[in-house]
Amino acid sequence: MPPKIPTDQSGSSSRIVIVGAGIAGLAAALRLSAVARDTGREVLVLERQAAPGGKMRTLPSDAGPVDAGPTVLTMRPVFDALFADAGARLEDHVTLIPQDILARHWWPDGSHLDLHANPDASAAAIRAFAGPKAEREFRAFSKRAAQLFKAFDAPMMQAAEPSLSSLSAYVMRNPTLIPAMAPQSTLADMLARQFSDPRLAQLFGRYATYVGGSPYRSPAILALIWQAEAAGVWCVKGGMHQLAKAIADLAAARGVQFHYGAHVERIEAAQGRVRAVHLADGQVIAAETVLFNGDPRALSTGALGPDMATVAPASRSTARSLSARVWSFTATPSGPDLVHHNVFFCADPRAEFAALEKGKAPQDPTLYICAEDRGQNSAVPALERFEIIANAPPVTTPTSSPNSTPEDFTACQTQTFQSLARFGLSFDRLPGPEALTTPQGFARLFPASTGSLYGQSPHGMMAAFQRPTARTQISGLYLAGGGTHPGAGVPMATISAQHAVAAILNDLSSTSTSRPMAMHGGISTE
């Protein structure tokens, strides 16, 4: 049984409870550490797992922890600002290594292509790969993605509560955005017009999966994701989980209390206001400010108690984003020369996403491989750590089994490693069942998520406006995480925490008799 959690006895109004130590919960804790220091308010983080990180998780191996979650770090200014607002420097707490090669890509026809941090190097590589026309198309696409990213950073990502009317007015004031947005097109449709080489359309269509979508159903505006990656990709020394650990350690050093193995069973509210958090072991922690860092669907479905069922009601019925089958293991590889980020494309992307749309695992999946010990500015060990990700449907259909079976494991292992063998890539050992996380496994790890890794589906032009925002209709209850605006991904979840903390501080200031509180800083992700 987890130890008894000591809490401030001066009253629940001086206590802020964060439920969940995913990246958004951690970022919020670090920003709120100034509140703990300046006002004496108690900040508690309750996490039911044994370590911080949420989806930024690891599995053990004989070569050390292997990442089993996010692997790509982009939009570094988001994290620089997070640490700066805590009076610290990111580089003093984690080592970030810029990647000259953003990703290495292979196709079944034997062709391969590197995309580089240097845009001219990428253009030259595409010219060698597919000719001068493809180079011109790539440069035009990159310009388009940069235009979209710059245009929608402030009114969407940085806005705590974006509205369709304000965004429409913004676009009308900047009409050159309309053709770049291609509002009547899916991402796949736009890319088919943009690139004459279908391999490049397939490559840039893959960015829809970064937010759990299909390029055949996601809006063309998601082309802006390429700009986030083109602006720089970093490798975290030791693995992505080191970023979560660094944020937790700094927040703890500044007075935030972290309690692991603390399973929150229920959030209590009365008269429209949060009152307490109930743990599975019977402990009750009074609190009038609670930040929930989890899938909002867990609240709306009653998984955190009946008092929360009115929160984010649309999440009960809104379509879910993709899940994944994730391998985390160690081995010695042979075959193609890998870099840190690698993609092995399937032969027919339309068939791949059609299967996912039907709730089935594709027979010929695209496979992403993170070679975790490469790109680290150090010698590659003989025994390397790998994470392999294949898109998979969430556990939402009536025929979806809540549990994986040995047959599922065998089929997944055969499919994954035989697919890679066709590219000439093999490993001296194959991972066992303990190395595989399936959609069913993610559904168990993250309650009421249906195994979806990105929250609500990004399909459709209105998807960005359908995510819940930081404030809820229950006073004192706030939301942050990849299922909350501005959306999925490590940088986006971190921005959601900034929105939530700003709302918390504003509300506390308006009701406090002490001096006003403010969150300093503020970032641009451009």
Protein backbone atom coordinates (compact mmCIF):
# COMPACT_ATOMS: atom_id res chain seq x y z
CA MET A 1 0.00 0.00 0.00
CA PRO A 2 1.35 3.47 -0.81
CA PRO A 3 2.43 5.50 2.20
CA LYS A 4 0.05 7.96 3.81
CA ILE A 5 0.22 11.26 1.95
CA PRO A 6 0.88 14.14 4.34
CA THR A 7 -1.10 17.23 3.43
CA ASP A 8 -1.25 20.80 4.60
CA GLN A 9 -3.70 21.13 7.47
CA SER A 10 -4.44 24.82 6.87
CA GLY A 11 -7.36 24.06 4.59
CA SER A 12 -8.13 22.70 1.14
CA SER A 13 -8.20 26.16 -0.42
CA SER A 14 -4.41 26.35 -0.11
CA ARG A 15 -3.86 23.08 -1.92
CA ILE A 16 -3.42 22.41 -5.65
CA VAL A 17 -3.63 18.76 -6.69
CA ILE A 18 -2.36 17.59 -10.07
CA VAL A 19 -3.72 14.20 -11.10
CA GLY A 20 -1.21 12.54 -13.41
CA ALA A 21 2.50 13.07 -14.01
CA GLY A 22 2.48 13.03 -17.80
CA ILE A 23 4.38 15.78 -19.56
CA ALA A 24 1.50 18.26 -19.08
CA GLY A 25 1.18 17.47 -15.37
CA LEU A 26 4.93 17.83 -14.95
CA ALA A 27 5.07 21.12 -16.86
CA ALA A 28 2.19 22.46 -14.78
CA ALA A 29 3.88 21.35 -11.57
CA LEU A 30 7.08 23.15 -12.50
CA ARG A 31 5.23 26.36 -13.39
CA LEU A 32 3.20 26.13 -10.17
CA SER A 33 6.31 25.60 -8.05
CA ALA A 34 6.63 29.38 -7.94
CA VAL A 35 3.17 29.49 -6.31
CA ALA A 36 4.32 26.99 -3.68
CA ARG A 37 7.38 29.11 -3.01
CA ASP A 38 5.75 32.54 -3.01
CA THR A 39 2.43 31.87 -1.32
CA GLY A 40 2.95 28.70 0.68
CA ARG A 41 0.31 26.86 -1.30
CA GLU A 42 0.78 23.13 -1.27
CA VAL A 43 1.20 21.56 -4.74
CA LEU A 44 0.71 17.79 -4.89
CA VAL A 45 1.20 15.54 -7.91
CA LEU A 46 -0.52 12.16 -7.70
CA GLU A 47 0.63 9.51 -10.19
CA ARG A 48 -0.52 5.91 -10.11
CA GLN A 49 2.55 4.61 -11.94
CA ALA A 50 5.95 4.25 -10.27
CA ALA A 51 7.69 7.03 -12.20
CA PRO A 52 6.90 10.31 -13.94
CA GLY A 53 6.27 10.63 -17.66
CA GLY A 54 2.84 9.20 -18.46
CA LYS A 55 3.04 8.08 -22.09
CA MET A 56 6.71 9.11 -21.97
CA ARG A 57 7.36 5.72 -20.40
CA THR A 58 10.08 3.08 -20.49
CA LEU A 59 10.45 -0.66 -20.29
CA PRO A 60 13.42 -2.31 -18.54
CA SER A 61 16.13 -4.11 -20.50
CA ASP A 62 19.61 -5.46 -19.97
CA ALA A 63 20.95 -2.28 -21.63
CA GLY A 64 18.95 0.06 -19.39
CA PRO A 65 15.51 1.67 -19.76
CA VAL A 66 14.14 1.61 -23.30
CA ASP A 67 11.76 4.36 -24.36
CA ALA A 68 8.27 3.04 -25.07
CA GLY A 69 6.52 6.32 -25.87
CA PRO A 70 7.28 9.57 -27.71
CA THR A 71 10.67 9.68 -29.40
CA VAL A 72 10.72 12.94 -31.37
CA LEU A 73 11.52 16.23 -29.62
CA THR A 74 10.64 19.30 -31.68
CA MET A 75 9.68 22.91 -30.91
CA ARG A 76 12.51 23.35 -28.43
CA PRO A 77 11.48 26.96 -27.54
CA VAL A 78 8.48 25.49 -25.69
CA PHE A 79 10.82 23.71 -23.29
CA ASP A 80 13.34 26.55 -23.06
CA ALA A 81 10.45 28.78 -21.94
CA LEU A 82 9.22 26.20 -19.41
CA PHE A 83 12.58 26.04 -17.66
CA ALA A 84 13.20 29.79 -17.99
CA ASP A 85 9.90 30.54 -16.26
CA ALA A 86 11.19 28.43 -13.36
CA GLY A 87 14.42 30.45 -13.29
CA ALA A 88 16.42 27.60 -14.79
CA ARG A 89 18.06 26.63 -18.07
CA LEU A 90 16.97 23.58 -20.00
CA GLU A 91 20.55 22.71 -20.96
CA ASP A 92 21.56 22.51 -17.28
CA HIS A 93 19.10 19.67 -16.67
CA VAL A 94 19.04 17.62 -19.88
CA THR A 95 21.43 17.23 -22.77
CA LEU A 96 19.75 17.85 -26.11
CA ILE A 97 21.60 16.79 -29.24
CA PRO A 98 20.46 18.35 -32.52
CA GLN A 99 20.01 15.84 -35.31
CA ASP A 100 21.58 16.74 -38.66
CA ILE A 101 19.46 14.02 -40.27
CA LEU A 102 15.85 14.52 -39.25
CA ALA A 103 14.84 11.07 -40.46
CA ARG A 104 15.95 8.38 -42.89
CA HIS A 105 13.25 6.86 -45.12
CA TRP A 106 13.09 3.62 -47.10
CA TRP A 107 10.59 2.31 -49.68
CA PRO A 108 9.94 -1.26 -50.86
CA ASP A 109 11.36 -0.42 -54.30
CA GLY A 110 14.82 -0.04 -52.73
CA SER A 111 14.90 3.78 -52.78
CA HIS A 112 15.80 5.77 -49.70
CA LEU A 113 15.88 9.43 -48.70
CA ASP A 114 17.30 11.49 -45.85
CA LEU A 115 15.68 14.72 -44.73
CA HIS A 116 18.08 17.14 -43.09
CA ALA A 117 18.05 19.96 -40.57
CA ASN A 118 19.60 22.10 -43.31
CA PRO A 119 16.74 22.81 -45.76
CA ASP A 120 19.11 23.14 -48.71
CA ALA A 121 20.55 19.72 -47.90
CA SER A 122 17.02 18.28 -47.91
CA ALA A 123 16.29 19.94 -51.24
CA ALA A 124 19.50 18.55 -52.72
CA ALA A 125 18.69 15.08 -51.41
CA ILE A 126 15.21 15.23 -52.95
CA ARG A 127 16.70 16.40 -56.25
CA ALA A 128 19.01 13.36 -56.27
CA PHE A 129 16.11 11.14 -55.17
CA ALA A 130 13.40 12.27 -57.62
CA GLY A 131 14.73 14.99 -59.89
CA PRO A 132 14.68 18.79 -60.19
CA LYS A 133 10.88 19.01 -60.46
CA ALA A 134 10.54 17.22 -57.11
CA GLU A 135 13.02 19.66 -55.59
CA ARG A 136 10.92 22.61 -56.73
CA GLU A 137 7.78 20.97 -55.38
CA PHE A 138 9.48 20.35 -52.04
CA ARG A 139 10.63 23.94 -51.71
CA ALA A 140 7.12 25.15 -52.47
CA PHE A 141 5.64 22.74 -49.93
CA SER A 142 8.12 23.81 -47.24
CA LYS A 143 7.23 27.45 -47.87
CA ARG A 144 3.56 26.58 -47.56
CA ALA A 145 4.07 24.66 -44.29
CA ALA A 146 6.09 27.53 -42.81
CA GLN A 147 3.38 30.02 -43.81
CA LEU A 148 0.68 27.93 -42.16
CA PHE A 149 2.69 27.36 -38.99
CA LYS A 150 3.50 31.04 -38.58
CA ALA A 151 -0.09 32.05 -39.26
CA PHE A 152 -1.78 29.65 -36.85
CA ASP A 153 0.72 29.64 -34.00
CA ALA A 154 -0.76 32.65 -32.17
CA PRO A 155 -4.50 32.37 -32.95
CA MET A 156 -4.66 28.59 -32.41
CA MET A 157 -1.81 26.98 -30.46
CA GLN A 158 -1.06 29.93 -28.21
CA ALA A 159 -4.73 30.85 -27.69
CA ALA A 160 -6.20 29.31 -24.55
CA GLU A 161 -9.71 29.18 -26.05
CA PRO A 162 -9.61 29.58 -29.85
CA SER A 163 -12.91 30.37 -31.51
CA LEU A 164 -14.04 29.67 -35.03
CA SER A 165 -15.32 33.22 -35.45
CA SER A 166 -12.04 34.86 -34.44
CA LEU A 167 -10.04 32.46 -36.59
CA SER A 168 -12.32 33.07 -39.57
CA ALA A 169 -11.90 36.81 -39.13
CA TYR A 170 -8.14 36.34 -38.97
CA VAL A 171 -8.12 34.37 -42.22
CA MET A 172 -10.31 36.97 -43.93
CA ARG A 173 -7.78 39.63 -42.96
CA ASN A 174 -5.06 37.41 -44.46
CA PRO A 175 -6.71 35.94 -47.58
CA THR A 176 -3.45 34.52 -48.97
CA LEU A 177 -3.81 31.83 -46.30
CA ILE A 178 -6.88 30.35 -47.94
CA PRO A 179 -5.14 28.61 -50.86
CA ALA A 180 -2.36 27.46 -48.52
CA MET A 181 -4.95 25.94 -46.17
CA ALA A 182 -6.77 24.14 -49.01
CA PRO A 183 -9.87 24.11 -46.77
CA GLN A 184 -11.87 21.72 -48.94
CA SER A 185 -9.04 19.17 -49.24
CA THR A 186 -7.67 16.38 -47.13
CA LEU A 187 -3.95 16.31 -46.50
CA ALA A 188 -3.59 13.40 -48.94
CA ASP A 189 -5.50 15.28 -51.67
CA MET A 190 -3.35 18.37 -51.25
CA LEU A 191 -0.11 16.36 -51.27
CA ALA A 192 -1.17 14.49 -54.41
CA ARG A 193 -1.43 17.87 -56.14
CA GLN A 194 1.75 19.18 -54.53
CA PHE A 195 4.06 16.28 -55.44
CA SER A 196 4.32 14.47 -58.73
CA ASP A 197 6.29 11.67 -57.04
CA PRO A 198 3.88 9.56 -54.93
CA ARG A 199 6.68 8.58 -52.54
CA LEU A 200 7.00 12.19 -51.39
CA ALA A 201 3.24 12.48 -50.98
CA GLN A 202 3.37 9.32 -48.84
CA LEU A 203 6.25 10.69 -46.78
CA PHE A 204 4.64 14.01 -45.90
CA GLY A 205 1.23 12.40 -45.46
CA ARG A 206 2.73 10.41 -42.59
CA TYR A 207 2.78 13.58 -40.47
CA ALA A 208 -0.98 13.18 -39.95
CA THR A 209 -0.14 10.17 -37.78
CA TYR A 210 1.80 12.47 -35.43
CA VAL A 211 -1.60 13.55 -34.11
CA GLY A 212 -3.26 10.18 -34.59
CA GLY A 213 -4.93 10.74 -37.95
CA SER A 214 -5.08 9.42 -41.48
CA PRO A 215 -3.87 11.70 -44.28
CA TYR A 216 -6.94 10.61 -46.24
CA ARG A 217 -9.28 12.14 -43.65
CA SER A 218 -7.21 14.83 -41.93
CA PRO A 219 -7.45 18.44 -43.12
CA ALA A 220 -4.74 19.79 -45.40
CA ILE A 221 -3.77 22.37 -42.79
CA LEU A 222 -1.89 19.60 -40.96
CA ALA A 223 0.86 20.22 -43.49
CA LEU A 224 2.14 22.70 -40.90
CA ILE A 225 3.44 19.75 -38.83
CA TRP A 226 6.31 19.46 -41.31
CA GLN A 227 7.45 22.94 -40.31
CA ALA A 228 7.64 21.91 -36.65
CA GLU A 229 10.05 19.14 -37.62
CA ALA A 230 11.92 21.14 -40.25
CA ALA A 231 12.68 23.75 -37.57
CA GLY A 232 14.75 21.18 -35.68
CA VAL A 233 14.74 17.73 -34.13
CA TRP A 234 16.63 16.97 -30.94
CA CYS A 235 17.67 13.73 -29.31
CA VAL A 236 17.54 13.65 -25.50
CA LYS A 237 20.71 12.13 -24.09
CA GLY A 238 19.74 8.89 -22.38
CA GLY A 239 16.22 8.83 -23.84
CA MET A 240 13.09 10.95 -23.86
CA HIS A 241 12.18 9.80 -20.35
CA GLN A 242 15.13 11.84 -19.08
CA LEU A 243 13.19 15.00 -19.95
CA ALA A 244 10.28 13.89 -17.75
CA LYS A 245 12.65 13.01 -14.92
CA ALA A 246 14.44 16.37 -15.16
CA ILE A 247 11.18 18.34 -14.96
CA ALA A 248 9.95 16.26 -12.01
CA ASP A 249 13.27 16.61 -10.17
CA LEU A 250 13.36 20.38 -10.62
CA ALA A 251 9.74 20.79 -9.52
CA ALA A 252 10.37 18.61 -6.46
CA ALA A 253 13.46 20.63 -5.57
CA ARG A 254 11.23 23.71 -5.62
CA GLY A 255 8.66 22.39 -3.23
CA VAL A 256 6.23 20.33 -5.29
CA GLN A 257 5.30 17.04 -3.61
CA PHE A 258 5.24 13.97 -5.85
CA HIS A 259 3.50 10.76 -4.80
CA TYR A 260 3.82 7.68 -7.01
CA GLY A 261 1.69 4.58 -6.71
CA ALA A 262 -1.13 6.96 -5.82
CA HIS A 263 -4.16 5.73 -7.78
CA VAL A 264 -6.85 8.39 -7.96
CA GLU A 265 -10.18 6.61 -7.92
CA ARG A 266 -12.55 9.56 -7.77
CA ILE A 267 -12.63 13.34 -7.95
CA GLU A 268 -15.33 14.77 -5.73
CA ALA A 269 -17.34 17.89 -6.53
CA ALA A 270 -20.29 19.53 -4.84
CA GLN A 271 -22.34 22.62 -5.66
CA GLY A 272 -20.41 23.00 -8.89
CA ARG A 273 -16.99 23.09 -7.20
CA VAL A 274 -14.19 20.57 -6.75
CA ARG A 275 -13.89 19.41 -3.14
CA ALA A 276 -11.52 16.46 -2.88
CA VAL A 277 -9.56 13.70 -4.53
CA HIS A 278 -10.17 10.12 -3.37
CA LEU A 279 -7.44 7.48 -3.68
CA ALA A 280 -7.97 3.77 -4.19
CA ASP A 281 -6.41 3.05 -0.78
CA GLY A 282 -9.09 5.11 0.98
CA GLN A 283 -7.19 8.34 1.46
CA VAL A 284 -9.15 11.53 0.85
CA ILE A 285 -7.26 14.70 -0.05
CA ALA A 286 -9.28 17.88 0.25
CA ALA A 287 -8.56 20.35 -2.55
CA GLU A 288 -10.37 23.18 -4.26
CA THR A 289 -7.99 23.33 -7.22
CA VAL A 290 -7.46 20.13 -9.23
CA LEU A 291 -5.66 19.85 -12.54
CA PHE A 292 -6.48 16.63 -14.37
CA ASN A 293 -3.67 15.43 -16.65
CA GLY A 294 -5.34 12.51 -18.35
CA ASP A 295 -7.69 11.70 -21.18
CA PRO A 296 -10.81 13.89 -20.74
CA ARG A 297 -12.87 10.88 -21.75
CA ALA A 298 -12.03 9.34 -18.36
CA LEU A 299 -14.01 12.16 -16.76
CA SER A 300 -16.98 12.18 -19.13
CA THR A 301 -17.46 8.40 -18.91
CA GLY A 302 -17.51 8.44 -15.11
CA ALA A 303 -14.21 6.58 -14.71
CA LEU A 304 -13.21 9.21 -12.11
CA GLY A 305 -16.57 9.18 -10.38
CA PRO A 306 -20.09 10.41 -11.13
CA ASP A 307 -19.35 14.00 -10.16
CA MET A 308 -17.13 14.36 -13.24
CA ALA A 309 -19.53 12.96 -15.83
CA THR A 310 -20.60 16.42 -17.01
CA VAL A 311 -17.03 17.38 -18.02
CA ALA A 312 -16.11 17.24 -21.73
CA PRO A 313 -19.31 15.36 -22.62
CA ALA A 314 -18.51 15.32 -26.34
CA SER A 315 -15.50 13.10 -25.66
CA ARG A 316 -17.85 10.20 -24.93
CA SER A 317 -18.96 10.01 -28.55
CA THR A 318 -16.31 11.86 -30.60
CA ALA A 319 -14.23 9.59 -32.84
CA ARG A 320 -10.91 8.51 -31.38
CA SER A 321 -7.44 8.92 -32.85
CA LEU A 322 -5.08 6.08 -33.68
CA SER A 323 -3.34 3.76 -31.28
CA ALA A 324 -0.15 1.80 -31.96
CA ARG A 325 1.71 -1.44 -31.52
CA VAL A 326 5.01 -0.54 -29.88
CA TRP A 327 8.08 -2.72 -29.46
CA SER A 328 10.78 -1.69 -26.94
CA PHE A 329 13.77 -4.01 -26.87
CA THR A 330 17.52 -4.49 -27.22
CA ALA A 331 19.37 -6.27 -30.00
CA THR A 332 22.28 -6.05 -32.40
CA PRO A 333 21.07 -5.12 -35.90
CA SER A 334 22.41 -5.92 -39.33
CA GLY A 335 21.44 -4.47 -42.67
CA PRO A 336 20.67 -0.86 -43.62
CA ASP A 337 22.56 1.89 -41.84
CA LEU A 338 20.16 3.36 -39.31
CA VAL A 339 20.07 6.86 -37.83
CA HIS A 340 18.12 7.94 -34.75
CA HIS A 341 14.77 8.26 -36.61
CA ASN A 342 13.94 5.81 -39.42
CA VAL A 343 10.83 5.06 -41.45
CA PHE A 344 10.21 1.94 -43.53
CA PHE A 345 7.22 2.65 -45.76
CA CYS A 346 4.61 0.17 -46.89
CA ALA A 347 3.87 -0.35 -50.59
CA ASP A 348 0.30 1.00 -50.55
CA PRO A 349 -0.54 3.73 -48.03
CA ARG A 350 -4.17 3.85 -49.08
CA ALA A 351 -4.62 0.18 -48.16
CA GLU A 352 -2.79 0.75 -44.87
CA PHE A 353 -5.12 3.53 -43.75
CA ALA A 354 -8.22 1.82 -45.14
CA ALA A 355 -7.52 -1.11 -42.81
CA LEU A 356 -7.04 1.22 -39.84
CA GLU A 357 -10.31 2.95 -40.68
CA LYS A 358 -12.05 -0.43 -40.47
CA GLY A 359 -10.53 -1.11 -37.04
CA LYS A 360 -8.01 -3.63 -38.36
CA ALA A 361 -4.24 -3.80 -38.17
CA PRO A 362 -2.77 -3.32 -41.68
CA GLN A 363 -1.27 -6.38 -43.34
CA ASP A 364 1.56 -4.25 -44.71
CA PRO A 365 2.23 -1.49 -42.16
CA THR A 366 4.63 1.41 -42.31
CA LEU A 367 7.16 0.91 -39.51
CA TYR A 368 8.95 3.66 -37.61
CA ILE A 369 12.17 2.71 -35.82
CA CYS A 370 13.92 4.82 -33.21
CA ALA A 371 17.50 3.58 -32.84
CA GLU A 372 17.81 5.14 -29.41
CA ASP A 373 21.59 4.85 -29.07
CA ARG A 374 22.33 6.50 -32.42
CA GLY A 375 22.63 10.23 -32.95
CA GLN A 376 23.94 10.61 -29.39
CA ASN A 377 27.42 11.88 -30.32
CA SER A 378 28.92 8.75 -28.80
CA ALA A 379 29.95 5.29 -29.94
CA VAL A 380 27.05 2.98 -30.74
CA PRO A 381 27.08 0.03 -28.29
CA ALA A 382 27.04 -3.54 -29.49
CA LEU A 383 23.71 -4.08 -27.78
CA GLU A 384 21.38 -1.29 -28.91
CA ARG A 385 18.00 -0.08 -27.67
CA PHE A 386 15.17 0.12 -30.21
CA GLU A 387 11.59 1.29 -30.32
CA ILE A 388 9.44 0.20 -33.27
CA ILE A 389 6.01 1.76 -33.79
CA ALA A 390 3.25 0.64 -36.15
CA ASN A 391 -0.07 2.47 -36.31
CA ALA A 392 -3.03 0.48 -35.03
CA PRO A 393 -6.73 1.16 -34.44
CA PRO A 394 -7.97 2.03 -30.95
CA VAL A 395 -10.07 -0.45 -28.98
CA THR A 396 -13.47 0.99 -29.87
CA THR A 397 -15.43 -1.46 -32.02
CA PRO A 398 -17.86 -4.00 -30.54
CA THR A 399 -15.58 -6.81 -31.72
CA SER A 400 -12.46 -5.30 -30.16
CA SER A 401 -11.04 -7.58 -27.49
CA PRO A 402 -10.01 -5.87 -24.25
CA ASN A 403 -7.08 -8.24 -23.96
CA SER A 404 -4.21 -9.26 -26.20
CA THR A 405 -3.68 -12.97 -26.80
CA PRO A 406 -0.58 -15.09 -27.53
CA GLU A 407 -1.86 -15.37 -31.09
CA ASP A 408 -1.91 -11.57 -31.36
CA PHE A 409 1.71 -11.43 -30.21
CA THR A 410 2.87 -14.10 -32.64
CA ALA A 411 1.10 -12.47 -35.57
CA CYS A 412 2.48 -9.03 -34.69
CA GLN A 413 6.02 -10.33 -34.23
CA THR A 414 5.94 -12.21 -37.53
CA GLN A 415 4.46 -9.31 -39.44
CA THR A 416 6.82 -6.68 -38.00
CA PHE A 417 10.10 -8.47 -38.40
CA GLN A 418 9.31 -10.14 -41.70
CA SER A 419 8.40 -6.71 -43.08
CA LEU A 420 11.77 -5.34 -41.96
CA ALA A 421 13.56 -8.39 -43.35
CA ARG A 422 12.27 -7.45 -46.80
CA PHE A 423 14.31 -4.25 -46.44
CA GLY A 424 17.33 -6.31 -45.41
CA LEU A 425 17.09 -5.34 -41.74
CA SER A 426 17.39 -8.08 -39.14
CA PHE A 427 18.21 -8.41 -35.46
CA ASP A 428 20.25 -11.05 -33.65
CA ARG A 429 17.37 -11.62 -31.23
CA LEU A 430 13.63 -11.13 -31.45
CA PRO A 431 11.78 -9.45 -28.58
CA GLY A 432 9.30 -11.36 -26.48
CA PRO A 433 5.77 -10.49 -25.31
CA GLU A 434 7.11 -8.33 -22.49
CA ALA A 435 8.54 -5.92 -25.10
CA LEU A 436 5.23 -5.31 -26.91
CA THR A 437 2.56 -2.78 -25.95
CA THR A 438 -0.68 -3.16 -27.90
CA PRO A 439 -3.75 -0.91 -28.09
CA GLN A 440 -5.27 -3.10 -25.39
CA GLY A 441 -2.21 -2.47 -23.23
CA PHE A 442 -2.49 1.27 -23.72
CA ALA A 443 -6.19 1.08 -22.83
CA ARG A 444 -5.26 -0.51 -19.50
CA LEU A 445 -2.45 1.97 -18.82
CA PHE A 446 -4.58 5.03 -19.55
CA PRO A 447 -8.16 4.63 -18.27
CA ALA A 448 -11.07 5.24 -20.65
CA SER A 449 -8.66 6.17 -23.46
CA THR A 450 -9.72 3.19 -25.63
CA GLY A 451 -5.99 2.81 -26.23
CA SER A 452 -5.97 5.95 -28.35
CA LEU A 453 -2.65 7.74 -27.94
CA TYR A 454 -3.75 11.16 -29.16
CA GLY A 455 -7.22 11.72 -27.73
CA GLN A 456 -9.94 12.78 -30.12
CA SER A 457 -9.56 12.23 -33.84
CA PRO A 458 -8.02 15.09 -35.86
CA HIS A 459 -10.24 14.32 -38.84
CA GLY A 460 -12.28 17.17 -40.27
CA MET A 461 -11.81 20.94 -40.36
CA MET A 462 -13.65 21.40 -37.06
CA ALA A 463 -11.59 18.88 -35.08
CA ALA A 464 -9.29 21.54 -33.65
CA PHE A 465 -12.29 23.33 -32.11
CA GLN A 466 -13.80 20.20 -30.57
CA ARG A 467 -11.07 19.48 -28.04
CA PRO A 468 -11.83 20.52 -24.47
CA THR A 469 -9.90 23.53 -23.19
CA ALA A 470 -8.22 24.11 -19.83
CA ARG A 471 -11.25 25.45 -17.96
CA THR A 472 -14.26 23.26 -17.19
CA GLN A 473 -17.77 24.05 -15.98
CA ILE A 474 -16.78 22.75 -12.52
CA SER A 475 -15.13 25.51 -10.57
CA GLY A 476 -11.59 24.62 -9.56
CA LEU A 477 -11.24 21.78 -12.08
CA TYR A 478 -8.82 22.25 -14.98
CA LEU A 479 -7.57 20.03 -17.82
CA ALA A 480 -4.17 19.60 -19.46
CA GLY A 481 -2.61 16.99 -21.71
CA GLY A 482 -2.61 15.67 -25.24
CA GLY A 483 -6.38 15.21 -25.19
CA THR A 484 -6.87 18.90 -24.42
CA HIS A 485 -6.35 21.95 -26.63
CA PRO A 486 -4.02 22.52 -28.49
CA GLY A 487 -3.69 18.78 -29.04
CA ALA A 488 -1.41 15.79 -29.13
CA GLY A 489 2.37 15.65 -29.00
CA VAL A 490 4.90 16.51 -26.33
CA PRO A 491 5.18 20.24 -27.22
CA MET A 492 1.42 20.64 -27.56
CA ALA A 493 0.73 18.96 -24.21
CA THR A 494 3.33 21.24 -22.64
CA ILE A 495 1.57 24.28 -24.10
CA SER A 496 -1.74 22.96 -22.73
CA ALA A 497 -0.17 23.00 -19.27
CA GLN A 498 0.78 26.64 -19.77
CA HIS A 499 -2.85 27.45 -20.63
CA ALA A 500 -4.08 25.54 -17.57
CA VAL A 501 -1.64 27.20 -15.17
CA ALA A 502 -2.54 30.64 -16.51
CA ALA A 503 -6.21 29.87 -15.85
CA ILE A 504 -5.47 28.57 -12.35
CA LEU A 505 -3.39 31.59 -11.40
CA ASN A 506 -5.93 34.00 -12.79
CA ASP A 507 -8.74 32.35 -10.85
CA LEU A 508 -6.73 32.13 -7.64
CA SER A 509 -5.78 35.79 -7.96
CA SER A 510 -9.39 36.84 -8.40
CA THR A 511 -10.44 35.05 -5.20
CA SER A 512 -7.33 35.57 -3.09
CA THR A 513 -6.88 38.27 -0.50
CA SER A 514 -3.13 38.00 -0.92
CA ARG A 515 -1.11 39.81 -3.55
CA PRO A 516 -1.95 38.96 -7.19
CA MET A 517 -0.14 36.04 -8.74
CA ALA A 518 1.15 36.01 -12.28
CA MET A 519 2.88 33.61 -14.61
CA HIS A 520 5.81 35.28 -16.27
CA GLY A 521 7.26 34.50 -19.66
CA GLY A 522 5.16 33.44 -22.58
CA ILE A 523 6.47 31.85 -25.73
CA SER A 524 6.24 31.84 -29.43
CA THR A 525 6.73 28.46 -31.04
CA GLU A 526 7.76 30.05 -34.31
